[in-house]
Amino acid sequence: MLDQCIKSIYATTNNIKYEIIVVDNASTDGSPEAVEEQFPQVKLIRNKENLGFAKGNNIGMRASTGRYVCLVNSDVIVQNGCIEKLVEFMDANPSVGLAGPRILNPDRSLQVSCRHFPSLWNNLCQVLGFNKLFPKSVFFSEPFMKYWAHDEMRKVDAFQAHIDKVVTELTTN
């Protein structure tokens, strides 16, 4: 998966200067060796032990030299122009601290990655199934904003990246 991820970044990100940093948390599957062999231009950080997802991200961010940091799980396939569009958006909106793209599953269905802050009402709607009875309703929505196709820019309460074992695609469409 990591090989596909890195190749997708190189194939789809052409109009900006960027670096790729891979933080390996003591994996034993040959991933770091493959990165060294296939992608010598990638900055590889090998941790001696598994420090966990969050600490690995922090280590990678500290090693970065760019204006922005894009955290990409190894199971992601980046779509054409996605990273450039995110940079363009951030440059045009200096008061924004975080932007997240639309995330698709391998079958191109939406992988929900943003949500409303939890409330008694939206949790009650989920428990009582109102969100399923009225799937396009904002009023009867559960916290995960499934009523929205995530096909336009919108301010959201929280961005939640899923750590799944499925290949996902990042797109700004």
Protein backbone atom coordinates (compact mmCIF):
# COMPACT_ATOMS: atom_id res chain seq x y z
CA MET A 1 0.00 0.00 0.00
CA LEU A 2 2.80 2.43 0.86
CA ASP A 3 4.33 1.91 -2.58
CA GLN A 4 1.01 2.79 -4.27
CA CYS A 5 0.55 5.79 -2.01
CA ILE A 6 3.96 7.29 -2.78
CA LYS A 7 3.57 6.61 -6.51
CA SER A 8 0.18 8.34 -6.49
CA ILE A 9 1.66 11.44 -4.88
CA TYR A 10 4.43 11.64 -7.47
CA ALA A 11 2.01 10.99 -10.33
CA THR A 12 -0.60 13.56 -9.30
CA THR A 13 1.29 16.39 -7.62
CA ASN A 14 3.23 18.32 -10.22
CA ASN A 15 2.80 22.08 -9.84
CA ILE A 16 4.15 22.63 -6.33
CA LYS A 17 7.35 21.90 -4.49
CA TYR A 18 6.91 19.23 -1.82
CA GLU A 19 8.70 16.62 0.21
CA ILE A 20 7.56 13.17 1.24
CA ILE A 21 8.45 11.99 4.72
CA VAL A 22 7.74 8.40 5.72
CA VAL A 23 7.80 7.63 9.43
CA ASP A 24 8.19 3.90 10.01
CA ASN A 25 7.13 2.66 13.44
CA ALA A 26 9.44 -0.38 13.56
CA SER A 27 7.52 -2.33 10.93
CA THR A 28 8.72 -5.78 9.96
CA ASP A 29 7.01 -6.07 6.57
CA GLY A 30 9.89 -4.67 4.49
CA SER A 31 8.28 -1.26 3.98
CA PRO A 32 11.30 0.84 5.02
CA GLU A 33 13.65 -1.19 2.84
CA ALA A 34 11.25 -0.81 -0.11
CA VAL A 35 11.13 2.96 0.41
CA GLU A 36 14.92 3.17 0.53
CA GLU A 37 15.26 1.09 -2.63
CA GLN A 38 12.40 2.47 -4.75
CA PHE A 39 12.20 6.06 -3.50
CA PRO A 40 15.64 7.29 -2.41
CA GLN A 41 14.39 10.90 -2.57
CA VAL A 42 11.85 10.21 0.23
CA LYS A 43 12.94 11.20 3.71
CA LEU A 44 12.65 7.99 5.75
CA ILE A 45 12.56 8.11 9.52
CA ARG A 46 12.90 4.71 11.19
CA ASN A 47 11.69 4.46 14.76
CA LYS A 48 13.27 1.67 16.80
CA GLU A 49 9.90 0.85 18.34
CA ASN A 50 6.25 1.41 17.52
CA LEU A 51 5.58 4.81 19.04
CA GLY A 52 1.97 4.92 17.84
CA PHE A 53 0.13 6.80 15.14
CA ALA A 54 0.00 10.24 16.78
CA LYS A 55 3.63 10.30 17.90
CA GLY A 56 4.73 9.08 14.46
CA ASN A 57 2.84 11.99 12.90
CA ASN A 58 4.46 14.43 15.33
CA ILE A 59 7.92 13.12 14.44
CA GLY A 60 7.20 13.51 10.73
CA MET A 61 5.83 17.03 11.17
CA ARG A 62 8.90 18.11 13.13
CA ALA A 63 11.11 16.82 10.30
CA SER A 64 9.17 18.70 7.62
CA THR A 65 10.41 21.92 6.06
CA GLY A 66 7.30 22.98 4.15
CA ARG A 67 4.77 25.73 4.71
CA TYR A 68 1.98 23.16 5.12
CA VAL A 69 1.83 19.58 6.33
CA CYS A 70 -0.43 17.01 4.69
CA LEU A 71 -0.89 13.87 6.77
CA VAL A 72 -1.52 10.94 4.46
CA ASN A 73 -2.06 7.37 5.63
CA SER A 74 -0.19 4.72 3.68
CA ASP A 75 -3.46 3.26 2.35
CA VAL A 76 -4.35 6.46 0.48
CA ILE A 77 -4.31 6.95 -3.28
CA VAL A 78 -4.05 10.69 -4.02
CA GLN A 79 -6.10 11.89 -6.99
CA ASN A 80 -4.84 14.30 -9.63
CA GLY A 81 -4.41 17.86 -8.38
CA CYS A 82 -5.75 17.19 -4.90
CA ILE A 83 -2.73 18.40 -2.97
CA GLU A 84 -2.30 21.44 -5.22
CA LYS A 85 -5.95 22.39 -4.65
CA LEU A 86 -5.52 22.09 -0.90
CA VAL A 87 -2.43 24.33 -1.00
CA GLU A 88 -4.26 26.81 -3.23
CA PHE A 89 -7.16 26.90 -0.77
CA MET A 90 -4.90 27.38 2.23
CA ASP A 91 -2.95 30.16 0.47
CA ALA A 92 -6.21 31.94 -0.38
CA ASN A 93 -7.59 31.56 3.16
CA PRO A 94 -4.86 32.46 5.67
CA SER A 95 -7.29 32.37 8.61
CA VAL A 96 -8.01 28.67 8.01
CA GLY A 97 -5.96 26.31 10.17
CA LEU A 98 -6.98 22.94 8.70
CA ALA A 99 -8.45 21.75 5.42
CA GLY A 100 -9.48 18.22 4.57
CA PRO A 101 -10.34 16.78 1.17
CA ARG A 102 -13.23 14.58 0.21
CA ILE A 103 -12.25 10.97 0.95
CA LEU A 104 -13.56 8.10 -1.15
CA ASN A 105 -13.56 4.36 -0.53
CA PRO A 106 -12.19 2.00 -3.21
CA ASP A 107 -15.71 1.67 -4.68
CA ARG A 108 -15.79 5.51 -4.94
CA SER A 109 -18.45 5.79 -2.23
CA LEU A 110 -18.04 8.56 0.31
CA GLN A 111 -15.94 7.90 3.39
CA VAL A 112 -17.34 10.31 5.95
CA SER A 113 -14.50 12.33 7.43
CA CYS A 114 -16.14 15.33 9.08
CA ARG A 115 -18.85 15.76 11.62
CA HIS A 116 -20.91 18.02 13.78
CA PHE A 117 -19.91 18.31 17.39
CA PRO A 118 -21.88 15.67 19.32
CA SER A 119 -25.07 16.89 20.91
CA LEU A 120 -27.94 15.29 22.72
CA TRP A 121 -30.15 15.96 19.68
CA ASN A 122 -27.94 14.51 16.93
CA ASN A 123 -27.08 11.47 19.04
CA LEU A 124 -30.78 10.95 19.80
CA CYS A 125 -31.55 11.17 16.06
CA GLN A 126 -28.97 8.47 15.43
CA VAL A 127 -30.21 6.19 18.24
CA LEU A 128 -33.86 6.55 17.18
CA GLY A 129 -32.99 6.09 13.50
CA PHE A 130 -34.28 9.48 12.36
CA ASN A 131 -31.11 9.91 10.29
CA LYS A 132 -32.07 6.75 8.35
CA LEU A 133 -35.74 7.73 7.97
CA PHE A 134 -34.70 11.20 6.72
CA PRO A 135 -31.22 10.69 5.23
CA LYS A 136 -31.10 14.07 3.46
CA SER A 137 -32.33 16.06 6.47
CA VAL A 138 -29.93 18.38 8.28
CA PHE A 139 -32.38 18.64 11.18
CA PHE A 140 -32.61 14.87 11.75
CA SER A 141 -28.96 14.18 11.00
CA GLU A 142 -26.64 12.22 13.21
CA PRO A 143 -23.20 13.72 13.95
CA PHE A 144 -21.48 12.43 10.79
CA MET A 145 -23.14 14.73 8.23
CA LYS A 146 -24.12 11.88 5.91
CA TYR A 147 -26.84 14.11 4.40
CA TRP A 148 -24.11 16.06 2.61
CA ALA A 149 -22.21 14.64 -0.39
CA HIS A 150 -18.99 16.43 0.64
CA ASP A 151 -18.76 17.82 -2.89
CA GLU A 152 -18.35 21.48 -1.96
CA MET A 153 -16.25 23.48 0.46
CA ARG A 154 -17.92 23.93 3.80
CA LYS A 155 -16.96 24.81 7.33
CA VAL A 156 -17.37 21.79 9.62
CA ASP A 157 -17.12 21.33 13.36
CA ALA A 158 -14.54 18.55 13.26
CA PHE A 159 -12.47 16.64 10.74
CA GLN A 160 -12.07 12.97 11.53
CA ALA A 161 -9.64 10.94 9.47
CA HIS A 162 -10.49 7.26 9.47
CA ILE A 163 -7.70 4.80 10.11
CA ASP A 164 -9.09 1.91 8.12
CA LYS A 165 -7.55 -1.06 6.39
CA VAL A 166 -9.13 -0.03 3.10
CA VAL A 167 -7.57 1.92 0.28
CA THR A 168 -8.96 5.42 0.20
CA GLU A 169 -8.69 8.14 -2.38
CA LEU A 170 -8.28 11.83 -1.66
CA THR A 171 -10.05 14.17 -4.01
CA THR A 172 -11.22 17.75 -3.82
CA ASN A 173 -14.21 17.14 -6.11
